[in-house]
């Protein structure tokens, strides 16, 4: 966590310096007001880090922490959109100024064109005008993003076609939720809304593909209680995501079992419906071995000594597990993790870092489905994506 703390504080510092330089300094206001704005900016970006050291030991402290988190994370989302607009303006102009300076540096003095100094008043006006336009665009985008993230998750239906699937499994349904991130801004009331929506689908099987929580069991055990009401004839199952390892994975595995949710830790279970046999397996998060040596993610281990079955389904938080899953012989992999990029413009940027971002894919004979996330992480925003509950249906190919 110390490295994560350093990264967060470094990024926050750079944001304060950049926004102060390009957004606050050009304003035609008194220096004292500029100092006030700089201080407010720093407070909003650094202030909610105080919740890292506070303990939510009583009702009042819990309310204070939640209020700080809501303000801090929403402001961070607003700033992350605003900064993209500003960088799109500033990077080309800074590059142009750099190239112009290099050209003058390597041109003989006698051959240099007559240089007229910049019109500072005009530049300041254009800078302030464009900043105003960016603020006017980022504010409603933030409002829409918060509304979209907090609304009732959409149910997306996906058919999984399997060769030689028995007629008894044709139409078998699996409800998938993922990345619920119960924590700073997602509490029991939202979890209840998700549970009611999932149970209303009347699925044969329910799975959660990781990142259930963001925080320790002691602080969140009452907020995850609604998940204990998830109900399906063939059970509720779970695989760990990276955030379980940030939050105390062994405590959360025990809590999941207490809620009636069975974790699959590099292991499998055979679900015999009487009309067909489904092998359901789960692996630990792809990077779990770096944090807990005994939890190295292994689809081959999850498949080892598997009994005869008609179709195999692997729960793996990160989509990139599909490479090992296909080698192990799994027919289907259900994943989450990416959030689909969560909100603009990162729903486009994420394609630079993730091969599988959202929806269905096929890799080397293994079907992969990436859920966009039922919840969200960090800023309570979704733009260009939606909170998702997926209803998968097995079909005969």
Protein backbone atom coordinates (compact mmCIF):
# COMPACT_ATOMS: atom_id res chain seq x y z
CA UNK A 1 0.00 0.00 0.00
CA UNK A 2 2.98 2.31 0.53
CA UNK A 3 3.71 2.32 -3.23
CA UNK A 4 0.04 3.02 -3.95
CA UNK A 5 0.11 5.89 -1.45
CA UNK A 6 3.18 7.39 -3.16
CA UNK A 7 1.56 7.10 -6.60
CA UNK A 8 -1.70 8.70 -5.45
CA UNK A 9 0.05 11.57 -3.67
CA UNK A 10 2.35 12.20 -6.65
CA UNK A 11 -0.53 12.32 -9.13
CA UNK A 12 -2.55 14.59 -6.81
CA UNK A 13 0.44 16.96 -6.47
CA UNK A 14 0.90 17.14 -10.24
CA UNK A 15 -2.81 17.85 -10.69
CA UNK A 16 -2.70 20.71 -8.17
CA UNK A 17 0.37 22.24 -9.83
CA UNK A 18 -1.00 21.93 -13.37
CA UNK A 19 -4.50 23.20 -12.58
CA UNK A 20 -3.13 26.04 -10.48
CA UNK A 21 -0.76 27.08 -13.27
CA UNK A 22 -3.21 26.88 -16.17
CA UNK A 23 -6.60 27.45 -14.51
CA UNK A 24 -6.07 29.72 -11.48
CA UNK A 25 -3.00 31.84 -12.31
CA UNK A 26 -4.42 33.35 -15.56
CA UNK A 27 -7.48 34.73 -13.72
CA UNK A 28 -7.68 38.51 -13.35
CA UNK A 29 -8.23 38.47 -9.60
CA UNK A 30 -6.29 39.57 -6.55
CA UNK A 31 -3.37 37.45 -5.39
CA UNK A 32 -5.08 36.68 -2.09
CA UNK A 33 -8.03 35.16 -3.98
CA UNK A 34 -5.67 33.11 -6.12
CA UNK A 35 -4.03 31.75 -2.97
CA UNK A 36 -7.49 30.88 -1.64
CA UNK A 37 -8.35 29.00 -4.83
CA UNK A 38 -5.01 27.17 -4.77
CA UNK A 39 -5.67 26.14 -1.17
CA UNK A 40 -9.21 24.99 -1.96
CA UNK A 41 -7.95 22.95 -4.91
CA UNK A 42 -5.31 21.26 -2.75
CA UNK A 43 -7.86 20.61 0.01
CA UNK A 44 -10.32 18.93 -2.37
CA UNK A 45 -7.66 16.75 -3.98
CA UNK A 46 -5.77 15.83 -0.81
CA UNK A 47 -8.48 16.20 1.84
CA UNK A 48 -10.35 12.95 1.29
CA UNK A 49 -7.08 11.03 1.83
CA UNK A 50 -7.76 11.71 5.51
CA UNK A 51 -10.24 8.84 5.46
CA UNK A 52 -7.29 6.49 5.01
CA UNK A 53 -6.18 7.19 8.59
CA UNK A 54 -9.60 7.65 10.21
CA UNK A 55 -11.39 4.67 11.73
CA UNK A 56 -15.11 4.28 11.05
CA UNK A 57 -15.70 3.16 14.62
CA UNK A 58 -18.93 5.01 15.29
CA UNK A 59 -21.93 6.34 13.41
CA UNK A 60 -20.80 9.97 13.39
CA UNK A 61 -17.29 9.22 12.19
CA UNK A 62 -18.78 6.99 9.51
CA UNK A 63 -21.01 9.82 8.27
CA UNK A 64 -18.05 12.24 8.20
CA UNK A 65 -15.88 9.78 6.26
CA UNK A 66 -18.63 9.04 3.75
CA UNK A 67 -19.27 12.75 3.16
CA UNK A 68 -15.55 13.37 2.62
CA UNK A 69 -15.32 10.43 0.23
CA UNK A 70 -18.36 11.51 -1.78
CA UNK A 71 -17.06 15.07 -2.21
CA UNK A 72 -13.48 13.97 -2.86
CA UNK A 73 -14.19 11.21 -5.37
CA UNK A 74 -16.81 13.23 -7.26
CA UNK A 75 -14.42 16.19 -7.50
CA UNK A 76 -11.67 13.84 -8.68
CA UNK A 77 -13.95 12.57 -11.45
CA UNK A 78 -14.78 16.15 -12.48
CA UNK A 79 -11.09 17.09 -12.51
CA UNK A 80 -10.10 14.00 -14.50
CA UNK A 81 -12.47 15.09 -17.30
CA UNK A 82 -11.43 18.75 -17.11
CA UNK A 83 -7.72 17.91 -17.27
CA UNK A 84 -8.19 15.90 -20.47
CA UNK A 85 -9.80 18.90 -22.18
CA UNK A 86 -7.02 21.20 -20.97
CA UNK A 87 -4.23 18.84 -22.03
CA UNK A 88 -5.82 18.49 -25.48
CA UNK A 89 -5.46 22.26 -25.77
CA UNK A 90 -2.06 22.68 -24.10
CA UNK A 91 0.02 19.82 -25.48
CA UNK A 92 -0.17 20.91 -29.17
CA UNK A 93 0.60 24.55 -28.27
CA UNK A 94 3.51 23.56 -26.03
CA UNK A 95 4.85 21.27 -28.74
CA UNK A 96 4.52 24.08 -31.29
CA UNK A 97 6.35 26.52 -29.00
CA UNK A 98 9.12 23.96 -28.46
CA UNK A 99 9.57 23.36 -32.20
CA UNK A 100 9.56 27.10 -32.89
CA UNK A 101 12.22 27.63 -30.22
CA UNK A 102 14.39 24.85 -31.64
CA UNK A 103 14.05 26.28 -35.13
CA UNK A 104 15.19 29.72 -33.96
CA UNK A 105 18.05 28.13 -32.01
CA UNK A 106 19.46 26.41 -35.10
CA UNK A 107 18.89 29.30 -37.51
CA UNK A 108 21.55 31.93 -38.11
CA UNK A 109 20.79 35.22 -36.46
CA UNK A 110 20.92 37.03 -39.83
CA UNK A 111 18.36 34.63 -41.30
CA UNK A 112 15.89 34.73 -38.41
CA UNK A 113 12.60 36.44 -39.17
CA UNK A 114 11.73 39.52 -37.19
CA UNK A 115 10.20 38.31 -33.94
CA UNK A 116 7.26 40.07 -32.35
CA UNK A 117 6.71 39.26 -28.69
CA UNK A 118 3.53 37.47 -27.64
CA UNK A 119 0.39 39.43 -26.99
CA UNK A 120 -0.02 38.45 -23.33
CA UNK A 121 -3.44 40.08 -22.93
CA UNK A 122 -4.82 38.16 -25.91
CA UNK A 123 -3.31 34.89 -24.71
CA UNK A 124 -4.77 35.34 -21.25
CA UNK A 125 -8.19 36.08 -22.68
CA UNK A 126 -8.14 32.98 -24.90
CA UNK A 127 -6.86 30.84 -22.04
CA UNK A 128 -9.59 32.01 -19.66
CA UNK A 129 -12.27 31.70 -22.35
CA UNK A 130 -11.28 28.13 -23.20
CA UNK A 131 -11.08 27.26 -19.49
CA UNK A 132 -14.62 28.56 -19.11
CA UNK A 133 -15.82 26.37 -21.98
CA UNK A 134 -14.11 23.31 -20.50
CA UNK A 135 -15.67 23.94 -17.09
CA UNK A 136 -19.08 24.39 -18.70
CA UNK A 137 -18.67 21.02 -20.45
CA UNK A 138 -17.16 19.07 -17.54
CA UNK A 139 -19.81 20.05 -14.97
CA UNK A 140 -22.87 18.56 -16.71
CA UNK A 141 -20.81 15.55 -17.79
CA UNK A 142 -19.97 14.92 -14.14
CA UNK A 143 -23.62 15.23 -13.13
CA UNK A 144 -24.71 12.78 -15.81
CA UNK A 145 -21.86 10.43 -14.91
CA UNK A 146 -22.94 10.29 -11.26
CA UNK A 147 -26.57 9.66 -12.21
CA UNK A 148 -25.59 6.92 -14.66
CA UNK A 149 -23.30 5.16 -12.17
CA UNK A 150 -25.87 5.16 -9.37
CA UNK A 151 -28.90 4.06 -11.36
CA UNK A 152 -30.28 0.54 -11.34
CA UNK A 153 -27.87 -1.71 -13.28
CA UNK A 154 -28.92 -2.72 -16.76
CA UNK A 155 -29.48 -6.41 -17.51
CA UNK A 156 -27.55 -7.46 -20.61
CA UNK A 157 -28.39 -10.86 -22.08
CA UNK A 158 -25.71 -13.04 -23.65
CA UNK A 159 -26.07 -16.46 -25.28
CA UNK A 160 -23.21 -18.94 -24.83
CA UNK A 161 -23.29 -21.51 -27.63
CA UNK A 162 -21.70 -24.85 -26.77
CA UNK A 163 -21.10 -27.80 -29.09
CA UNK A 164 -22.78 -31.05 -28.05
CA UNK A 165 -24.51 -29.41 -25.10
CA UNK A 166 -27.13 -31.79 -23.65
CA UNK A 167 -30.73 -30.77 -24.16
CA UNK A 168 -31.08 -30.63 -20.39
CA UNK A 169 -28.62 -27.74 -20.17
CA UNK A 170 -30.03 -25.88 -23.17
CA UNK A 171 -31.50 -22.72 -21.62
CA UNK A 172 -29.56 -22.99 -18.34
CA UNK A 173 -29.06 -19.43 -17.04
CA UNK A 174 -26.17 -17.85 -15.17
CA UNK A 175 -26.54 -14.37 -13.65
CA UNK A 176 -23.19 -12.58 -13.39
CA UNK A 177 -22.35 -9.57 -11.27
CA UNK A 178 -18.86 -8.15 -10.93
CA UNK A 179 -16.89 -5.27 -9.43
CA UNK A 180 -19.55 -4.22 -6.95
CA UNK A 181 -16.85 -2.40 -4.93
CA UNK A 182 -18.89 -2.08 -1.74
CA UNK A 183 -16.97 0.66 0.06
CA UNK A 184 -16.62 4.42 0.39
CA UNK A 185 -19.56 5.50 -1.80
CA UNK A 186 -21.38 2.18 -2.35
CA UNK A 187 -23.36 0.94 0.63
CA UNK A 188 -26.07 -1.53 1.67
CA UNK A 189 -28.94 0.33 -0.03
CA UNK A 190 -27.26 0.00 -3.41
CA UNK A 191 -26.33 -3.64 -2.75
CA UNK A 192 -29.98 -4.36 -1.95
CA UNK A 193 -31.02 -2.87 -5.29
CA UNK A 194 -28.59 -5.19 -7.09
CA UNK A 195 -29.72 -8.27 -5.17
CA UNK A 196 -33.39 -7.60 -5.93
CA UNK A 197 -32.60 -7.16 -9.63
CA UNK A 198 -30.57 -10.39 -9.81
CA UNK A 199 -33.11 -12.48 -7.90
CA UNK A 200 -35.83 -11.08 -10.13
CA UNK A 201 -34.16 -12.77 -13.12
CA UNK A 202 -34.76 -16.19 -11.50
CA UNK A 203 -31.41 -17.59 -12.73
CA UNK A 204 -30.28 -21.19 -12.28
CA UNK A 205 -26.88 -20.06 -11.00
CA UNK A 206 -25.40 -16.78 -9.70
CA UNK A 207 -21.72 -15.82 -9.93
CA UNK A 208 -19.70 -12.84 -8.72
CA UNK A 209 -16.45 -12.38 -10.63
CA UNK A 210 -14.45 -10.43 -8.08
CA UNK A 211 -13.87 -7.02 -6.51
CA UNK A 212 -16.85 -7.39 -4.25
CA UNK A 213 -15.48 -4.85 -1.76
CA UNK A 214 -13.16 -1.92 -1.14
CA UNK A 215 -12.31 -2.05 2.54
CA UNK A 216 -11.95 -4.29 5.57
CA UNK A 217 -14.61 -6.68 6.84
CA UNK A 218 -15.02 -4.77 10.12
CA UNK A 219 -16.08 -1.61 8.29
CA UNK A 220 -18.26 -3.18 5.59
CA UNK A 221 -19.83 -6.36 6.98
CA UNK A 222 -23.22 -4.70 7.41
CA UNK A 223 -23.09 -3.28 3.87
CA UNK A 224 -22.50 -6.66 2.24
CA UNK A 225 -25.32 -8.34 4.17
CA UNK A 226 -27.80 -8.00 1.25
CA UNK A 227 -25.57 -10.33 -0.81
CA UNK A 228 -26.55 -13.07 1.63
CA UNK A 229 -30.04 -12.92 0.10
CA UNK A 230 -28.85 -13.84 -3.41
CA UNK A 231 -30.68 -17.03 -4.29
CA UNK A 232 -30.44 -19.56 -7.10
CA UNK A 233 -31.21 -23.30 -7.30
CA UNK A 234 -27.58 -24.19 -8.01
CA UNK A 235 -25.95 -21.74 -5.64
CA UNK A 236 -24.07 -18.47 -5.51
CA UNK A 237 -20.34 -18.57 -6.35
CA UNK A 238 -17.43 -16.17 -6.19
CA UNK A 239 -13.84 -15.68 -7.34
CA UNK A 240 -11.43 -13.16 -5.84
CA UNK A 241 -10.48 -9.90 -7.54
CA UNK A 242 -7.46 -7.71 -6.91
CA UNK A 243 -9.35 -5.51 -4.43
CA UNK A 244 -10.04 -8.44 -2.13
CA UNK A 245 -6.27 -8.69 -1.71
CA UNK A 246 -6.03 -4.99 -0.84
CA UNK A 247 -8.81 -5.44 1.74
CA UNK A 248 -7.88 -8.62 3.62
CA UNK A 249 -8.56 -11.58 1.37
CA UNK A 250 -8.75 -14.33 4.00
CA UNK A 251 -11.25 -12.38 6.11
CA UNK A 252 -13.39 -11.74 3.04
CA UNK A 253 -13.28 -15.39 1.97
CA UNK A 254 -14.62 -16.31 5.41
CA UNK A 255 -17.27 -13.59 5.23
CA UNK A 256 -18.39 -14.75 1.78
CA UNK A 257 -18.90 -18.27 3.11
CA UNK A 258 -20.84 -16.89 6.08
CA UNK A 259 -23.15 -15.12 3.62
CA UNK A 260 -23.77 -18.36 1.74
CA UNK A 261 -21.52 -17.43 -1.19
CA UNK A 262 -19.00 -20.14 -2.05
CA UNK A 263 -15.55 -18.95 -3.13
CA UNK A 264 -13.63 -20.97 -5.72
CA UNK A 265 -9.89 -20.60 -5.07
CA UNK A 266 -8.14 -22.38 -7.94
CA UNK A 267 -10.68 -25.18 -7.61
CA UNK A 268 -13.81 -26.56 -9.23
CA UNK A 269 -17.21 -27.93 -8.34
CA UNK A 270 -19.47 -30.19 -10.39
CA UNK A 271 -23.06 -29.03 -10.78
CA UNK A 272 -25.21 -31.97 -11.80
CA UNK A 273 -28.69 -30.79 -12.70
CA UNK A 274 -29.92 -34.32 -13.38
CA UNK A 275 -30.14 -33.38 -17.05
CA UNK A 276 -26.54 -32.35 -17.59
CA UNK A 277 -23.25 -31.69 -15.79
CA UNK A 278 -21.65 -28.25 -15.58
CA UNK A 279 -18.12 -27.92 -14.26
CA UNK A 280 -17.82 -24.56 -12.50
CA UNK A 281 -14.30 -23.43 -11.55
CA UNK A 282 -12.74 -20.28 -10.17
CA UNK A 283 -9.23 -18.85 -9.95
CA UNK A 284 -7.65 -16.22 -7.80
CA UNK A 285 -6.89 -12.80 -9.28
CA UNK A 286 -4.24 -12.84 -11.98
CA UNK A 287 -1.83 -10.78 -9.82
CA UNK A 288 -2.72 -12.41 -6.49
CA UNK A 289 0.54 -14.37 -6.31
CA UNK A 290 2.47 -11.13 -5.83
CA UNK A 291 0.54 -10.41 -2.63
CA UNK A 292 -0.22 -13.90 -1.30
CA UNK A 293 2.32 -16.50 -2.54
CA UNK A 294 -0.11 -19.39 -2.02
CA UNK A 295 -2.72 -17.74 -4.24
CA UNK A 296 -0.97 -17.84 -7.61
CA UNK A 297 -3.74 -17.88 -10.22
CA UNK A 298 -3.89 -21.27 -11.97
CA UNK A 299 -6.66 -22.36 -14.37
CA UNK A 300 -4.82 -25.67 -14.86
CA UNK A 301 -5.01 -26.33 -11.11
CA UNK A 302 -8.69 -25.40 -11.14
CA UNK A 303 -9.25 -27.98 -13.90
CA UNK A 304 -7.06 -30.71 -12.38
CA UNK A 305 -8.78 -34.03 -11.70
CA UNK A 306 -12.09 -32.67 -12.96
CA UNK A 307 -14.84 -35.30 -13.29
CA UNK A 308 -16.64 -35.91 -16.56
CA UNK A 309 -18.76 -32.93 -17.56
CA UNK A 310 -20.69 -31.49 -20.49
CA UNK A 311 -19.51 -27.88 -20.29
CA UNK A 312 -16.88 -26.06 -18.24
CA UNK A 313 -17.11 -22.47 -16.99
CA UNK A 314 -14.24 -20.59 -15.35
CA UNK A 315 -14.71 -17.55 -13.10
CA UNK A 316 -11.63 -15.33 -13.45
CA UNK A 317 -11.61 -11.69 -12.40
CA UNK A 318 -9.15 -10.46 -15.03
CA UNK A 319 -9.91 -11.19 -18.71
CA UNK A 320 -6.25 -11.94 -19.47
CA UNK A 321 -6.65 -15.22 -17.58
CA UNK A 322 -8.23 -16.50 -20.79
CA UNK A 323 -4.82 -17.40 -22.24
CA UNK A 324 -4.20 -19.96 -19.49
CA UNK A 325 -7.88 -20.90 -19.40
CA UNK A 326 -7.87 -21.94 -23.05
CA UNK A 327 -4.73 -24.03 -22.48
CA UNK A 328 -6.47 -25.73 -19.55
CA UNK A 329 -9.42 -26.58 -21.80
CA UNK A 330 -12.21 -24.38 -20.44
CA UNK A 331 -15.18 -23.80 -22.73
CA UNK A 332 -16.21 -20.47 -21.17
CA UNK A 333 -14.60 -17.78 -19.01
CA UNK A 334 -16.58 -15.06 -17.21
CA UNK A 335 -14.61 -11.98 -16.12
CA UNK A 336 -14.84 -8.34 -15.04
CA UNK A 337 -12.09 -5.98 -13.83
CA UNK A 338 -11.98 -3.45 -16.69
CA UNK A 339 -15.26 -1.59 -15.95
CA UNK A 340 -15.30 -1.02 -19.71
CA UNK A 341 -13.15 2.04 -18.99
CA UNK A 342 -15.93 3.37 -16.71
CA UNK A 343 -16.21 6.92 -18.07
CA UNK A 344 -15.16 9.17 -20.94
CA UNK A 345 -12.48 9.44 -22.22
CA UNK A 346 -11.02 6.46 -20.37
CA UNK A 347 -13.50 4.09 -22.02
CA UNK A 348 -11.41 4.72 -25.16
CA UNK A 349 -8.00 4.96 -23.49
CA UNK A 350 -8.43 1.55 -21.83
CA UNK A 351 -8.06 -0.17 -25.21
CA UNK A 352 -4.38 0.81 -25.12
CA UNK A 353 -3.86 -1.31 -21.99
CA UNK A 354 -6.46 -4.09 -22.19
CA UNK A 355 -7.00 -6.57 -25.02
CA UNK A 356 -10.44 -7.60 -23.76
CA UNK A 357 -12.50 -4.66 -22.52
CA UNK A 358 -16.20 -5.53 -22.51
CA UNK A 359 -18.66 -7.98 -23.95
CA UNK A 360 -18.06 -11.32 -25.75
CA UNK A 361 -14.81 -12.58 -27.26
CA UNK A 362 -13.40 -15.90 -28.42
CA UNK A 363 -9.79 -16.91 -27.80
CA UNK A 364 -8.46 -20.21 -29.10
CA UNK A 365 -11.80 -21.96 -28.68
CA UNK A 366 -12.64 -20.47 -25.28
CA UNK A 367 -15.58 -18.08 -25.08
CA UNK A 368 -14.86 -15.04 -22.93
CA UNK A 369 -17.34 -12.52 -21.59
CA UNK A 370 -16.19 -9.33 -19.85
CA UNK A 371 -18.77 -7.72 -17.60
CA UNK A 372 -18.45 -3.89 -17.47
CA UNK A 373 -18.91 -3.93 -13.71
CA UNK A 374 -22.07 -3.76 -11.67
CA UNK A 375 -20.61 -1.00 -9.50
CA UNK A 376 -17.75 1.42 -10.06
CA UNK A 377 -14.38 2.26 -8.54
CA UNK A 378 -13.16 5.67 -7.36
CA UNK A 379 -15.20 8.50 -8.91
CA UNK A 380 -18.92 7.59 -8.78
CA UNK A 381 -19.28 8.12 -12.51
CA UNK A 382 -20.11 6.27 -15.72
CA UNK A 383 -20.08 7.92 -19.14
CA UNK A 384 -20.04 5.73 -22.23
CA UNK A 385 -20.54 2.59 -20.12
CA UNK A 386 -23.31 1.31 -17.87
CA UNK A 387 -23.57 -0.62 -14.61
CA UNK A 388 -24.17 -4.19 -15.74
CA UNK A 389 -25.82 -7.39 -14.60
CA UNK A 390 -25.32 -10.10 -17.21
CA UNK A 391 -27.74 -12.95 -17.78
CA UNK A 392 -25.93 -15.72 -19.68
CA UNK A 393 -27.90 -18.53 -21.28
CA UNK A 394 -26.32 -21.81 -22.39
CA UNK A 395 -27.42 -22.77 -25.91
CA UNK A 396 -26.83 -25.80 -28.07
CA UNK A 397 -24.60 -24.98 -31.02
